[in-house]
Amino acid sequence: MAKIGYVCVGTNDFDRATGFYDALLGEVGGKRLMPTPAGLLYRLSDGALLMVTRPHDGQKATIGNGGMIALQMDNKEQVAGLHAKALALGGTCEGAPGPRGNFGDFAYFRDLDGNKLAAYCTG
């Protein structure tokens, strides 16, 4: 069986980006796992890893249209809290916390480089 091992977000300002992710992921128990030649891996829990990276080809990092990383939370308070933390760190709102149909609570934001993330919980 295959599963997602890690996802990457590109950055043009590595120190600024890792400062954002240190604080943001620290809010939900995430920790730096290990540096790589191009970036830094974060462990979120026992699931997929998140890597903040400089593009391998040496070109400018750009955001993808339609690409997003969704971080699963335990409850709607954590969804709202992570969204608030992202905005406090300089991220931008892409959708306020709240219910989305019968799917659960979701909140959307962009990091300092424009990468889109979601925080969500189901049930």
PDB file of N, CA and C in Angstrom:
ATOM      1  N   MET A   1       0.851  -1.175   0.000  1.00  0.00           N
ATOM      2  CA  MET A   1       0.000   0.000   0.000  1.00  0.00           C
ATOM      3  C   MET A   1       0.896   1.237   0.000  1.00  0.00           C
ATOM      4  N   ALA A   2       0.554   2.198  -0.806  1.00  0.00           N
ATOM      5  CA  ALA A   2       1.303   3.449  -0.870  1.00  0.00           C
ATOM      6  C   ALA A   2       0.582   4.522  -0.062  1.00  0.00           C
ATOM      7  N   LYS A   3       1.338   5.455   0.484  1.00  0.00           N
ATOM      8  CA  LYS A   3       0.765   6.600   1.185  1.00  0.00           C
ATOM      9  C   LYS A   3       1.666   7.794   0.959  1.00  0.00           C
ATOM     10  N   ILE A   4       1.156   8.974   1.218  1.00  0.00           N
ATOM     11  CA  ILE A   4       1.952  10.186   1.046  1.00  0.00           C
ATOM     12  C   ILE A   4       3.064  10.195   2.085  1.00  0.00           C
ATOM     13  N   GLY A   5       4.292  10.363   1.630  1.00  0.00           N
ATOM     14  CA  GLY A   5       5.439  10.405   2.519  1.00  0.00           C
ATOM     15  C   GLY A   5       5.791  11.819   2.953  1.00  0.00           C
ATOM     16  N   TYR A   6       5.764  12.753   1.990  1.00  0.00           N
ATOM     17  CA  TYR A   6       6.032  14.151   2.315  1.00  0.00           C
ATOM     18  C   TYR A   6       5.508  15.041   1.207  1.00  0.00           C
ATOM     19  N   VAL A   7       5.322  16.303   1.551  1.00  0.00           N
ATOM     20  CA  VAL A   7       4.970  17.331   0.581  1.00  0.00           C
ATOM     21  C   VAL A   7       5.980  18.457   0.726  1.00  0.00           C
ATOM     22  N   CYS A   8       6.193  19.189  -0.353  1.00  0.00           N
ATOM     23  CA  CYS A   8       7.169  20.279  -0.348  1.00  0.00           C
ATOM     24  C   CYS A   8       6.501  21.615  -0.636  1.00  0.00           C
ATOM     25  N   VAL A   9       6.981  22.644   0.023  1.00  0.00           N
ATOM     26  CA  VAL A   9       6.611  24.019  -0.323  1.00  0.00           C
ATOM     27  C   VAL A   9       7.899  24.747  -0.654  1.00  0.00           C
ATOM     28  N   GLY A  10       7.884  25.466  -1.755  1.00  0.00           N
ATOM     29  CA  GLY A  10       9.075  26.196  -2.183  1.00  0.00           C
ATOM     30  C   GLY A  10       9.154  27.558  -1.529  1.00  0.00           C
ATOM     31  N   THR A  11      10.379  28.043  -1.375  1.00  0.00           N
ATOM     32  CA  THR A  11      10.588  29.364  -0.808  1.00  0.00           C
ATOM     33  C   THR A  11      11.763  30.067  -1.485  1.00  0.00           C
ATOM     34  N   ASN A  12      11.673  31.380  -1.491  1.00  0.00           N
ATOM     35  CA  ASN A  12      12.769  32.222  -1.972  1.00  0.00           C
ATOM     36  C   ASN A  12      13.502  32.886  -0.811  1.00  0.00           C
ATOM     37  N   ASP A  13      12.992  32.737   0.403  1.00  0.00           N
ATOM     38  CA  ASP A  13      13.610  33.289   1.607  1.00  0.00           C
ATOM     39  C   ASP A  13      13.544  32.210   2.678  1.00  0.00           C
ATOM     40  N   PHE A  14      14.550  31.358   2.701  1.00  0.00           N
ATOM     41  CA  PHE A  14      14.551  30.169   3.541  1.00  0.00           C
ATOM     42  C   PHE A  14      14.408  30.498   5.024  1.00  0.00           C
ATOM     43  N   ASP A  15      15.156  31.454   5.528  1.00  0.00           N
ATOM     44  CA  ASP A  15      15.089  31.783   6.960  1.00  0.00           C
ATOM     45  C   ASP A  15      13.710  32.303   7.347  1.00  0.00           C
ATOM     46  N   ARG A  16      13.144  33.141   6.520  1.00  0.00           N
ATOM     47  CA  ARG A  16      11.802  33.681   6.785  1.00  0.00           C
ATOM     48  C   ARG A  16      10.762  32.558   6.771  1.00  0.00           C
ATOM     49  N   ALA A  17      10.866  31.678   5.791  1.00  0.00           N
ATOM     50  CA  ALA A  17       9.912  30.575   5.664  1.00  0.00           C
ATOM     51  C   ALA A  17      10.026  29.601   6.832  1.00  0.00           C
ATOM     52  N   THR A  18      11.234  29.238   7.211  1.00  0.00           N
ATOM     53  CA  THR A  18      11.367  28.288   8.316  1.00  0.00           C
ATOM     54  C   THR A  18      10.940  28.917   9.637  1.00  0.00           C
ATOM     55  N   GLY A  19      11.127  30.209   9.803  1.00  0.00           N
ATOM     56  CA  GLY A  19      10.605  30.883  10.994  1.00  0.00           C
ATOM     57  C   GLY A  19       9.085  30.788  11.062  1.00  0.00           C
ATOM     58  N   PHE A  20       8.435  30.988   9.908  1.00  0.00           N
ATOM     59  CA  PHE A  20       6.978  30.865   9.817  1.00  0.00           C
ATOM     60  C   PHE A  20       6.543  29.451  10.179  1.00  0.00           C
ATOM     61  N   TYR A  21       7.164  28.453   9.571  1.00  0.00           N
ATOM     62  CA  TYR A  21       6.755  27.067   9.814  1.00  0.00           C
ATOM     63  C   TYR A  21       7.160  26.560  11.193  1.00  0.00           C
ATOM     64  N   ASP A  22       8.277  27.033  11.749  1.00  0.00           N
ATOM     65  CA  ASP A  22       8.616  26.679  13.138  1.00  0.00           C
ATOM     66  C   ASP A  22       7.472  27.082  14.066  1.00  0.00           C
ATOM     67  N   ALA A  23       7.024  28.327  13.940  1.00  0.00           N
ATOM     68  CA  ALA A  23       5.967  28.836  14.812  1.00  0.00           C
ATOM     69  C   ALA A  23       4.609  28.218  14.487  1.00  0.00           C
ATOM     70  N   LEU A  24       4.278  28.119  13.190  1.00  0.00           N
ATOM     71  CA  LEU A  24       2.972  27.593  12.803  1.00  0.00           C
ATOM     72  C   LEU A  24       2.826  26.124  13.188  1.00  0.00           C
ATOM     73  N   LEU A  25       3.766  25.291  12.791  1.00  0.00           N
ATOM     74  CA  LEU A  25       3.653  23.864  13.081  1.00  0.00           C
ATOM     75  C   LEU A  25       3.889  23.560  14.555  1.00  0.00           C
ATOM     76  N   GLY A  26       4.677  24.399  15.221  1.00  0.00           N
ATOM     77  CA  GLY A  26       4.847  24.260  16.668  1.00  0.00           C
ATOM     78  C   GLY A  26       3.531  24.410  17.406  1.00  0.00           C
ATOM     79  N   GLU A  27       2.617  25.161  16.829  1.00  0.00           N
ATOM     80  CA  GLU A  27       1.289  25.372  17.410  1.00  0.00           C
ATOM     81  C   GLU A  27       0.516  24.053  17.536  1.00  0.00           C
ATOM     82  N   VAL A  28       0.805  23.083  16.675  1.00  0.00           N
ATOM     83  CA  VAL A  28       0.088  21.806  16.686  1.00  0.00           C
ATOM     84  C   VAL A  28       1.042  20.620  16.897  1.00  0.00           C
ATOM     85  N   GLY A  29       2.169  20.869  17.567  1.00  0.00           N
ATOM     86  CA  GLY A  29       3.092  19.795  17.928  1.00  0.00           C
ATOM     87  C   GLY A  29       4.088  19.395  16.863  1.00  0.00           C
ATOM     88  N   GLY A  30       4.149  20.125  15.744  1.00  0.00           N
ATOM     89  CA  GLY A  30       5.124  19.825  14.703  1.00  0.00           C
ATOM     90  C   GLY A  30       6.527  20.232  15.128  1.00  0.00           C
ATOM     91  N   LYS A  31       7.519  19.505  14.632  1.00  0.00           N
ATOM     92  CA  LYS A  31       8.911  19.782  15.001  1.00  0.00           C
ATOM     93  C   LYS A  31       9.821  19.627  13.790  1.00  0.00           C
ATOM     94  N   ARG A  32      10.932  20.339  13.826  1.00  0.00           N
ATOM     95  CA  ARG A  32      11.970  20.129  12.815  1.00  0.00           C
ATOM     96  C   ARG A  32      12.461  18.702  12.928  1.00  0.00           C
ATOM     97  N   LEU A  33      12.545  18.034  11.795  1.00  0.00           N
ATOM     98  CA  LEU A  33      13.021  16.651  11.802  1.00  0.00           C
ATOM     99  C   LEU A  33      14.484  16.586  11.387  1.00  0.00           C
ATOM    100  N   MET A  34      14.789  17.153  10.208  1.00  0.00           N
ATOM    101  CA  MET A  34      16.170  17.108   9.737  1.00  0.00           C
ATOM    102  C   MET A  34      16.375  18.052   8.565  1.00  0.00           C
ATOM    103  N   PRO A  35      17.575  18.606   8.465  1.00  0.00           N
ATOM    104  CA  PRO A  35      17.880  19.416   7.281  1.00  0.00           C
ATOM    105  C   PRO A  35      18.176  18.506   6.101  1.00  0.00           C
ATOM    106  N   THR A  36      17.969  19.035   4.910  1.00  0.00           N
ATOM    107  CA  THR A  36      18.338  18.357   3.672  1.00  0.00           C
ATOM    108  C   THR A  36      19.257  19.310   2.912  1.00  0.00           C
ATOM    109  N   PRO A  37      19.898  18.877   1.849  1.00  0.00           N
ATOM    110  CA  PRO A  37      20.756  19.798   1.100  1.00  0.00           C
ATOM    111  C   PRO A  37      20.014  21.045   0.601  1.00  0.00           C
ATOM    112  N   ALA A  38      18.714  20.923   0.320  1.00  0.00           N
ATOM    113  CA  ALA A  38      17.974  22.064  -0.225  1.00  0.00           C
ATOM    114  C   ALA A  38      16.966  22.651   0.743  1.00  0.00           C
ATOM    115  N   GLY A  39      16.729  21.996   1.870  1.00  0.00           N
ATOM    116  CA  GLY A  39      15.651  22.481   2.727  1.00  0.00           C
ATOM    117  C   GLY A  39      15.650  21.905   4.120  1.00  0.00           C
ATOM    118  N   LEU A  40      14.447  21.807   4.668  1.00  0.00           N
ATOM    119  CA  LEU A  40      14.264  21.358   6.041  1.00  0.00           C
ATOM    120  C   LEU A  40      12.966  20.563   6.115  1.00  0.00           C
ATOM    121  N   LEU A  41      13.037  19.361   6.683  1.00  0.00           N
ATOM    122  CA  LEU A  41      11.861  18.518   6.873  1.00  0.00           C
ATOM    123  C   LEU A  41      11.270  18.738   8.254  1.00  0.00           C
ATOM    124  N   TYR A  42       9.948  18.783   8.297  1.00  0.00           N
ATOM    125  CA  TYR A  42       9.215  18.869   9.557  1.00  0.00           C
ATOM    126  C   TYR A  42       8.406  17.598   9.754  1.00  0.00           C
ATOM    127  N   ARG A  43       8.351  17.119  10.994  1.00  0.00           N
ATOM    128  CA  ARG A  43       7.490  15.991  11.367  1.00  0.00           C
ATOM    129  C   ARG A  43       6.240  16.594  11.991  1.00  0.00           C
ATOM    130  N   LEU A  44       5.072  16.216  11.449  1.00  0.00           N
ATOM    131  CA  LEU A  44       3.810  16.714  11.988  1.00  0.00           C
ATOM    132  C   LEU A  44       3.280  15.784  13.071  1.00  0.00           C
ATOM    133  N   SER A  45       3.263  14.507  12.847  1.00  0.00           N
ATOM    134  CA  SER A  45       2.899  13.476  13.820  1.00  0.00           C
ATOM    135  C   SER A  45       3.402  12.176  13.226  1.00  0.00           C
ATOM    136  N   ASP A  46       2.544  11.191  13.112  1.00  0.00           N
ATOM    137  CA  ASP A  46       2.995   9.945  12.513  1.00  0.00           C
ATOM    138  C   ASP A  46       2.641   9.854  11.032  1.00  0.00           C
ATOM    139  N   GLY A  47       2.162  10.963  10.454  1.00  0.00           N
ATOM    140  CA  GLY A  47       1.773  10.981   9.050  1.00  0.00           C
ATOM    141  C   GLY A  47       2.863  11.532   8.158  1.00  0.00           C
ATOM    142  N   ALA A  48       2.448  12.177   7.093  1.00  0.00           N
ATOM    143  CA  ALA A  48       3.367  12.720   6.101  1.00  0.00           C
ATOM    144  C   ALA A  48       4.259  13.812   6.696  1.00  0.00           C
ATOM    145  N   LEU A  49       5.394  14.013   6.061  1.00  0.00           N
ATOM    146  CA  LEU A  49       6.323  15.074   6.428  1.00  0.00           C
ATOM    147  C   LEU A  49       6.067  16.290   5.551  1.00  0.00           C
ATOM    148  N   LEU A  50       6.493  17.447   6.015  1.00  0.00           N
ATOM    149  CA  LEU A  50       6.422  18.689   5.249  1.00  0.00           C
ATOM    150  C   LEU A  50       7.847  19.195   5.075  1.00  0.00           C
ATOM    151  N   MET A  51       8.233  19.496   3.836  1.00  0.00           N
ATOM    152  CA  MET A  51       9.569  20.025   3.588  1.00  0.00           C
ATOM    153  C   MET A  51       9.473  21.431   3.034  1.00  0.00           C
ATOM    154  N   VAL A  52      10.185  22.346   3.661  1.00  0.00           N
ATOM    155  CA  VAL A  52      10.356  23.700   3.147  1.00  0.00           C
ATOM    156  C   VAL A  52      11.664  23.663   2.373  1.00  0.00           C
ATOM    157  N   THR A  53      11.610  24.063   1.091  1.00  0.00           N
ATOM    158  CA  THR A  53      12.776  23.834   0.244  1.00  0.00           C
ATOM    159  C   THR A  53      13.048  24.967  -0.738  1.00  0.00           C
ATOM    160  N   ARG A  54      14.300  25.087  -1.064  1.00  0.00           N
ATOM    161  CA  ARG A  54      14.705  25.934  -2.184  1.00  0.00           C
ATOM    162  C   ARG A  54      14.540  25.072  -3.438  1.00  0.00           C
ATOM    163  N   PRO A  55      14.056  25.625  -4.541  1.00  0.00           N
ATOM    164  CA  PRO A  55      13.877  24.818  -5.747  1.00  0.00           C
ATOM    165  C   PRO A  55      15.192  24.172  -6.201  1.00  0.00           C
ATOM    166  N   HIS A  56      15.110  22.902  -6.547  1.00  0.00           N
ATOM    167  CA  HIS A  56      16.273  22.120  -6.963  1.00  0.00           C
ATOM    168  C   HIS A  56      16.950  22.700  -8.204  1.00  0.00           C
ATOM    169  N   ASP A  57      16.150  23.288  -9.109  1.00  0.00           N
ATOM    170  CA  ASP A  57      16.733  23.796 -10.359  1.00  0.00           C
ATOM    171  C   ASP A  57      17.385  25.164 -10.224  1.00  0.00           C
ATOM    172  N   GLY A  58      17.360  25.734  -9.009  1.00  0.00           N
ATOM    173  CA  GLY A  58      17.987  27.030  -8.783  1.00  0.00           C
ATOM    174  C   GLY A  58      17.167  28.210  -9.259  1.00  0.00           C
ATOM    175  N   GLN A  59      16.003  27.940  -9.823  1.00  0.00           N
ATOM    176  CA  GLN A  59      15.130  29.014 -10.289  1.00  0.00           C
ATOM    177  C   GLN A  59      14.278  29.539  -9.130  1.00  0.00           C
ATOM    178  N   LYS A  60      13.576  30.616  -9.377  1.00  0.00           N
ATOM    179  CA  LYS A  60      12.706  31.221  -8.370  1.00  0.00           C
ATOM    180  C   LYS A  60      11.559  30.272  -8.013  1.00  0.00           C
ATOM    181  N   ALA A  61      11.261  30.173  -6.728  1.00  0.00           N
ATOM    182  CA  ALA A  61      10.103  29.394  -6.284  1.00  0.00           C
ATOM    183  C   ALA A  61       8.834  30.152  -6.658  1.00  0.00           C
ATOM    184  N   THR A  62       7.864  29.443  -7.196  1.00  0.00           N
ATOM    185  CA  THR A  62       6.566  30.026  -7.528  1.00  0.00           C
ATOM    186  C   THR A  62       5.479  29.130  -6.960  1.00  0.00           C
ATOM    187  N   ILE A  63       4.301  29.693  -6.772  1.00  0.00           N
ATOM    188  CA  ILE A  63       3.196  28.908  -6.230  1.00  0.00           C
ATOM    189  C   ILE A  63       2.405  28.272  -7.349  1.00  0.00           C
ATOM    190  N   GLY A  64       1.846  27.126  -7.082  1.00  0.00           N
ATOM    191  CA  GLY A  64       1.046  26.416  -8.068  1.00  0.00           C
ATOM    192  C   GLY A  64      -0.418  26.786  -7.922  1.00  0.00           C
ATOM    193  N   ASN A  65      -1.095  26.958  -9.021  1.00  0.00           N
ATOM    194  CA  ASN A  65      -2.520  27.237  -8.990  1.00  0.00           C
ATOM    195  C   ASN A  65      -3.248  25.926  -8.771  1.00  0.00           C
ATOM    196  N   GLY A  66      -3.998  25.821  -7.683  1.00  0.00           N
ATOM    197  CA  GLY A  66      -4.730  24.607  -7.362  1.00  0.00           C
ATOM    198  C   GLY A  66      -3.996  23.700  -6.394  1.00  0.00           C
ATOM    199  N   GLY A  67      -2.727  23.949  -6.153  1.00  0.00           N
ATOM    200  CA  GLY A  67      -1.986  23.148  -5.183  1.00  0.00           C
ATOM    201  C   GLY A  67      -2.279  23.618  -3.774  1.00  0.00           C
ATOM    202  N   MET A  68      -2.350  22.673  -2.826  1.00  0.00           N
ATOM    203  CA  MET A  68      -2.641  23.024  -1.442  1.00  0.00           C
ATOM    204  C   MET A  68      -2.191  21.880  -0.546  1.00  0.00           C
ATOM    205  N   ILE A  69      -1.793  22.221   0.668  1.00  0.00           N
ATOM    206  CA  ILE A  69      -1.478  21.239   1.693  1.00  0.00           C
ATOM    207  C   ILE A  69      -2.569  21.336   2.743  1.00  0.00           C
ATOM    208  N   ALA A  70      -3.192  20.214   3.081  1.00  0.00           N
ATOM    209  CA  ALA A  70      -4.253  20.194   4.080  1.00  0.00           C
ATOM    210  C   ALA A  70      -3.734  19.506   5.340  1.00  0.00           C
ATOM    211  N   LEU A  71      -3.809  20.225   6.470  1.00  0.00           N
ATOM    212  CA  LEU A  71      -3.345  19.713   7.752  1.00  0.00           C
ATOM    213  C   LEU A  71      -4.555  19.324   8.596  1.00  0.00           C
ATOM    214  N   GLN A  72      -4.661  18.052   8.942  1.00  0.00           N
ATOM    215  CA  GLN A  72      -5.809  17.574   9.703  1.00  0.00           C
ATOM    216  C   GLN A  72      -5.636  17.896  11.184  1.00  0.00           C
ATOM    217  N   MET A  73      -6.651  18.505  11.763  1.00  0.00           N
ATOM    218  CA  MET A  73      -6.675  18.866  13.169  1.00  0.00           C
ATOM    219  C   MET A  73      -7.649  17.948  13.913  1.00  0.00           C
ATOM    220  N   ASP A  74      -7.582  17.969  15.228  1.00  0.00           N
ATOM    221  CA  ASP A  74      -8.461  17.131  16.046  1.00  0.00           C
ATOM    222  C   ASP A  74      -9.853  17.717  16.239  1.00  0.00           C
ATOM    223  N   ASN A  75      -9.958  19.065  16.192  1.00  0.00           N
ATOM    224  CA  ASN A  75     -11.246  19.696  16.462  1.00  0.00           C
ATOM    225  C   ASN A  75     -11.304  21.081  15.816  1.00  0.00           C
ATOM    226  N   LYS A  76     -12.497  21.681  15.830  1.00  0.00           N
ATOM    227  CA  LYS A  76     -12.679  22.971  15.165  1.00  0.00           C
ATOM    228  C   LYS A  76     -11.943  24.097  15.873  1.00  0.00           C
ATOM    229  N   GLU A  77     -11.683  23.964  17.156  1.00  0.00           N
ATOM    230  CA  GLU A  77     -10.907  24.983  17.866  1.00  0.00           C
ATOM    231  C   GLU A  77      -9.467  25.019  17.357  1.00  0.00           C
ATOM    232  N   GLN A  78      -8.909  23.857  17.081  1.00  0.00           N
ATOM    233  CA  GLN A  78      -7.558  23.810  16.516  1.00  0.00           C
ATOM    234  C   GLN A  78      -7.536  24.371  15.103  1.00  0.00           C
ATOM    235  N   VAL A  79      -8.592  24.123  14.335  1.00  0.00           N
ATOM    236  CA  VAL A  79      -8.688  24.678  12.982  1.00  0.00           C
ATOM    237  C   VAL A  79      -8.624  26.200  13.060  1.00  0.00           C
ATOM    238  N   ALA A  80      -9.463  26.775  13.904  1.00  0.00           N
ATOM    239  CA  ALA A  80      -9.500  28.239  14.052  1.00  0.00           C
ATOM    240  C   ALA A  80      -8.192  28.763  14.622  1.00  0.00           C
ATOM    241  N   GLY A  81      -7.612  28.044  15.570  1.00  0.00           N
ATOM    242  CA  GLY A  81      -6.364  28.479  16.195  1.00  0.00           C
ATOM    243  C   GLY A  81      -5.200  28.493  15.234  1.00  0.00           C
ATOM    244  N   LEU A  82      -5.105  27.476  14.382  1.00  0.00           N
ATOM    245  CA  LEU A  82      -4.000  27.430  13.430  1.00  0.00           C
ATOM    246  C   LEU A  82      -4.155  28.526  12.375  1.00  0.00           C
ATOM    247  N   HIS A  83      -5.385  28.767  11.942  1.00  0.00           N
ATOM    248  CA  HIS A  83      -5.658  29.853  10.994  1.00  0.00           C
ATOM    249  C   HIS A  83      -5.243  31.186  11.606  1.00  0.00           C
ATOM    250  N   ALA A  84      -5.633  31.432  12.844  1.00  0.00           N
ATOM    251  CA  ALA A  84      -5.276  32.679  13.530  1.00  0.00           C
ATOM    252  C   ALA A  84      -3.763  32.814  13.666  1.00  0.00           C
ATOM    253  N   LYS A  85      -3.090  31.719  13.990  1.00  0.00           N
ATOM    254  CA  LYS A  85      -1.632  31.747  14.130  1.00  0.00           C
ATOM    255  C   LYS A  85      -0.976  32.087  12.803  1.00  0.00           C
ATOM    256  N   ALA A  86      -1.463  31.501  11.718  1.00  0.00           N
ATOM    257  CA  ALA A  86      -0.901  31.781  10.390  1.00  0.00           C
ATOM    258  C   ALA A  86      -1.031  33.266  10.063  1.00  0.00           C
ATOM    259  N   LEU A  87      -2.195  33.853  10.341  1.00  0.00           N
ATOM    260  CA  LEU A  87      -2.395  35.281  10.054  1.00  0.00           C
ATOM    261  C   LEU A  87      -1.523  36.143  10.959  1.00  0.00           C
ATOM    262  N   ALA A  88      -1.375  35.754  12.212  1.00  0.00           N
ATOM    263  CA  ALA A  88      -0.527  36.509  13.141  1.00  0.00           C
ATOM    264  C   ALA A  88       0.931  36.480  12.705  1.00  0.00           C
ATOM    265  N   LEU A  89       1.327  35.414  12.014  1.00  0.00           N
ATOM    266  CA  LEU A  89       2.703  35.283  11.529  1.00  0.00           C
ATOM    267  C   LEU A  89       2.927  35.974  10.189  1.00  0.00           C
ATOM    268  N   GLY A  90       1.886  36.597   9.639  1.00  0.00           N
ATOM    269  CA  GLY A  90       2.019  37.311   8.377  1.00  0.00           C
ATOM    270  C   GLY A  90       1.411  36.599   7.191  1.00  0.00           C
ATOM    271  N   GLY A  91       0.797  35.438   7.404  1.00  0.00           N
ATOM    272  CA  GLY A  91       0.108  34.739   6.332  1.00  0.00           C
ATOM    273  C   GLY A  91      -1.152  35.500   5.935  1.00  0.00           C
ATOM    274  N   THR A  92      -1.778  35.090   4.851  1.00  0.00           N
ATOM    275  CA  THR A  92      -2.992  35.760   4.392  1.00  0.00           C
ATOM    276  C   THR A  92      -4.160  34.790   4.379  1.00  0.00           C
ATOM    277  N   CYS A  93      -5.343  35.327   4.635  1.00  0.00           N
ATOM    278  CA  CYS A  93      -6.558  34.531   4.707  1.00  0.00           C
ATOM    279  C   CYS A  93      -7.052  34.172   3.311  1.00  0.00           C
ATOM    280  N   GLU A  94      -7.394  32.910   3.128  1.00  0.00           N
ATOM    281  CA  GLU A  94      -8.002  32.427   1.889  1.00  0.00           C
ATOM    282  C   GLU A  94      -9.383  31.843   2.157  1.00  0.00           C
ATOM    283  N   GLY A  95      -9.837  31.925   3.401  1.00  0.00           N
ATOM    284  CA  GLY A  95     -11.153  31.408   3.787  1.00  0.00           C
ATOM    285  C   GLY A  95     -11.200  31.246   5.289  1.00  0.00           C
ATOM    286  N   ALA A  96     -12.080  31.999   5.932  1.00  0.00           N
ATOM    287  CA  ALA A  96     -12.184  31.998   7.392  1.00  0.00           C
ATOM    288  C   ALA A  96     -12.604  30.626   7.915  1.00  0.00           C
ATOM    289  N   PRO A  97     -12.230  30.314   9.158  1.00  0.00           N
ATOM    290  CA  PRO A  97     -12.634  29.042   9.750  1.00  0.00           C
ATOM    291  C   PRO A  97     -14.151  28.913   9.827  1.00  0.00           C
ATOM    292  N   GLY A  98     -14.634  27.707   9.585  1.00  0.00           N
ATOM    293  CA  GLY A  98     -16.051  27.442   9.703  1.00  0.00           C
ATOM    294  C   GLY A  98     -16.431  26.180   8.970  1.00  0.00           C
ATOM    295  N   PRO A  99     -17.701  25.793   9.118  1.00  0.00           N
ATOM    296  CA  PRO A  99     -18.163  24.562   8.462  1.00  0.00           C
ATOM    297  C   PRO A  99     -18.207  24.718   6.951  1.00  0.00           C
ATOM    298  N   ARG A 100     -17.901  23.626   6.267  1.00  0.00           N
ATOM    299  CA  ARG A 100     -17.989  23.565   4.810  1.00  0.00           C
ATOM    300  C   ARG A 100     -18.900  22.391   4.463  1.00  0.00           C
ATOM    301  N   GLY A 101     -20.175  22.694   4.291  1.00  0.00           N
ATOM    302  CA  GLY A 101     -21.144  21.644   4.000  1.00  0.00           C
ATOM    303  C   GLY A 101     -21.199  20.640   5.129  1.00  0.00           C
ATOM    304  N   ASN A 102     -21.316  19.389   4.762  1.00  0.00           N
ATOM    305  CA  ASN A 102     -21.336  18.305   5.749  1.00  0.00           C
ATOM    306  C   ASN A 102     -19.964  17.676   5.938  1.00  0.00           C
ATOM    307  N   PHE A 103     -18.914  18.352   5.462  1.00  0.00           N
ATOM    308  CA  PHE A 103     -17.584  17.771   5.493  1.00  0.00           C
ATOM    309  C   PHE A 103     -16.832  18.019   6.792  1.00  0.00           C
ATOM    310  N   GLY A 104     -17.171  19.071   7.519  1.00  0.00           N
ATOM    311  CA  GLY A 104     -16.463  19.429   8.737  1.00  0.00           C
ATOM    312  C   GLY A 104     -16.085  20.896   8.723  1.00  0.00           C
ATOM    313  N   ASP A 105     -15.168  21.266   9.598  1.00  0.00           N
ATOM    314  CA  ASP A 105     -14.698  22.640   9.680  1.00  0.00           C
ATOM    315  C   ASP A 105     -13.379  22.769   8.924  1.00  0.00           C
ATOM    316  N   PHE A 106     -13.268  23.858   8.159  1.00  0.00           N
ATOM    317  CA  PHE A 106     -12.085  24.119   7.358  1.00  0.00           C
ATOM    318  C   PHE A 106     -11.684  25.578   7.495  1.00  0.00           C
ATOM    319  N   ALA A 107     -10.414  25.864   7.302  1.00  0.00           N
ATOM    320  CA  ALA A 107      -9.896  27.226   7.222  1.00  0.00           C
ATOM    321  C   ALA A 107      -8.753  27.203   6.217  1.00  0.00           C
ATOM    322  N   TYR A 108      -8.623  28.275   5.456  1.00  0.00           N
ATOM    323  CA  TYR A 108      -7.622  28.326   4.389  1.00  0.00           C
ATOM    324  C   TYR A 108      -6.748  29.565   4.556  1.00  0.00           C
ATOM    325  N   PHE A 109      -5.451  29.405   4.283  1.00  0.00           N
ATOM    326  CA  PHE A 109      -4.511  30.528   4.372  1.00  0.00           C
ATOM    327  C   PHE A 109      -3.319  30.274   3.478  1.00  0.00           C
ATOM    328  N   ARG A 110      -2.564  31.345   3.233  1.00  0.00           N
ATOM    329  CA  ARG A 110      -1.318  31.241   2.473  1.00  0.00           C
ATOM    330  C   ARG A 110      -0.153  31.603   3.386  1.00  0.00           C
ATOM    331  N   ASP A 111       0.962  30.916   3.160  1.00  0.00           N
ATOM    332  CA  ASP A 111       2.165  31.221   3.928  1.00  0.00           C
ATOM    333  C   ASP A 111       2.841  32.462   3.355  1.00  0.00           C
ATOM    334  N   LEU A 112       4.014  32.764   3.824  1.00  0.00           N
ATOM    335  CA  LEU A 112       4.704  33.993   3.430  1.00  0.00           C
ATOM    336  C   LEU A 112       5.164  33.987   1.975  1.00  0.00           C
ATOM    337  N   ASP A 113       5.258  32.803   1.363  1.00  0.00           N
ATOM    338  CA  ASP A 113       5.639  32.698  -0.044  1.00  0.00           C
ATOM    339  C   ASP A 113       4.446  32.520  -0.962  1.00  0.00           C
ATOM    340  N   GLY A 114       3.229  32.497  -0.400  1.00  0.00           N
ATOM    341  CA  GLY A 114       2.022  32.349  -1.201  1.00  0.00           C
ATOM    342  C   GLY A 114       1.522  30.928  -1.353  1.00  0.00           C
ATOM    343  N   ASN A 115       2.188  29.937  -0.718  1.00  0.00           N
ATOM    344  CA  ASN A 115       1.714  28.557  -0.762  1.00  0.00           C
ATOM    345  C   ASN A 115       0.406  28.440   0.014  1.00  0.00           C
ATOM    346  N   LYS A 116      -0.570  27.746  -0.553  1.00  0.00           N
ATOM    347  CA  LYS A 116      -1.878  27.622   0.085  1.00  0.00           C
ATOM    348  C   LYS A 116      -1.930  26.393   0.986  1.00  0.00           C
ATOM    349  N   LEU A 117      -2.466  26.624   2.192  1.00  0.00           N
ATOM    350  CA  LEU A 117      -2.655  25.546   3.167  1.00  0.00           C
ATOM    351  C   LEU A 117      -4.092  25.575   3.669  1.00  0.00           C
ATOM    352  N   ALA A 118      -4.524  24.435   4.165  1.00  0.00           N
ATOM    353  CA  ALA A 118      -5.832  24.325   4.818  1.00  0.00           C
ATOM    354  C   ALA A 118      -5.625  23.643   6.153  1.00  0.00           C
ATOM    355  N   ALA A 119      -6.422  24.028   7.129  1.00  0.00           N
ATOM    356  CA  ALA A 119      -6.552  23.293   8.383  1.00  0.00           C
ATOM    357  C   ALA A 119      -7.978  22.784   8.397  1.00  0.00           C
ATOM    358  N   TYR A 120      -8.170  21.531   8.800  1.00  0.00           N
ATOM    359  CA  TYR A 120      -9.521  20.986   8.775  1.00  0.00           C
ATOM    360  C   TYR A 120      -9.706  19.911   9.822  1.00  0.00           C
ATOM    361  N   CYS A 121     -10.953  19.666  10.173  1.00  0.00           N
ATOM    362  CA  CYS A 121     -11.342  18.514  10.971  1.00  0.00           C
ATOM    363  C   CYS A 121     -12.664  18.015  10.447  1.00  0.00           C
ATOM    364  N   THR A 122     -12.885  16.735  10.522  1.00  0.00           N
ATOM    365  CA  THR A 122     -14.138  16.153  10.069  1.00  0.00           C
ATOM    366  C   THR A 122     -14.934  15.688  11.275  1.00  0.00           C
ATOM    367  N   GLY A 123     -16.218  15.508  11.057  1.00  0.00           N
ATOM    368  CA  GLY A 123     -17.066  14.984  12.115  1.00  0.00           C
ATOM    369  C   GLY A 123     -17.650  16.001  13.032  1.00  0.00           C
TER     370      GLY A 123
END
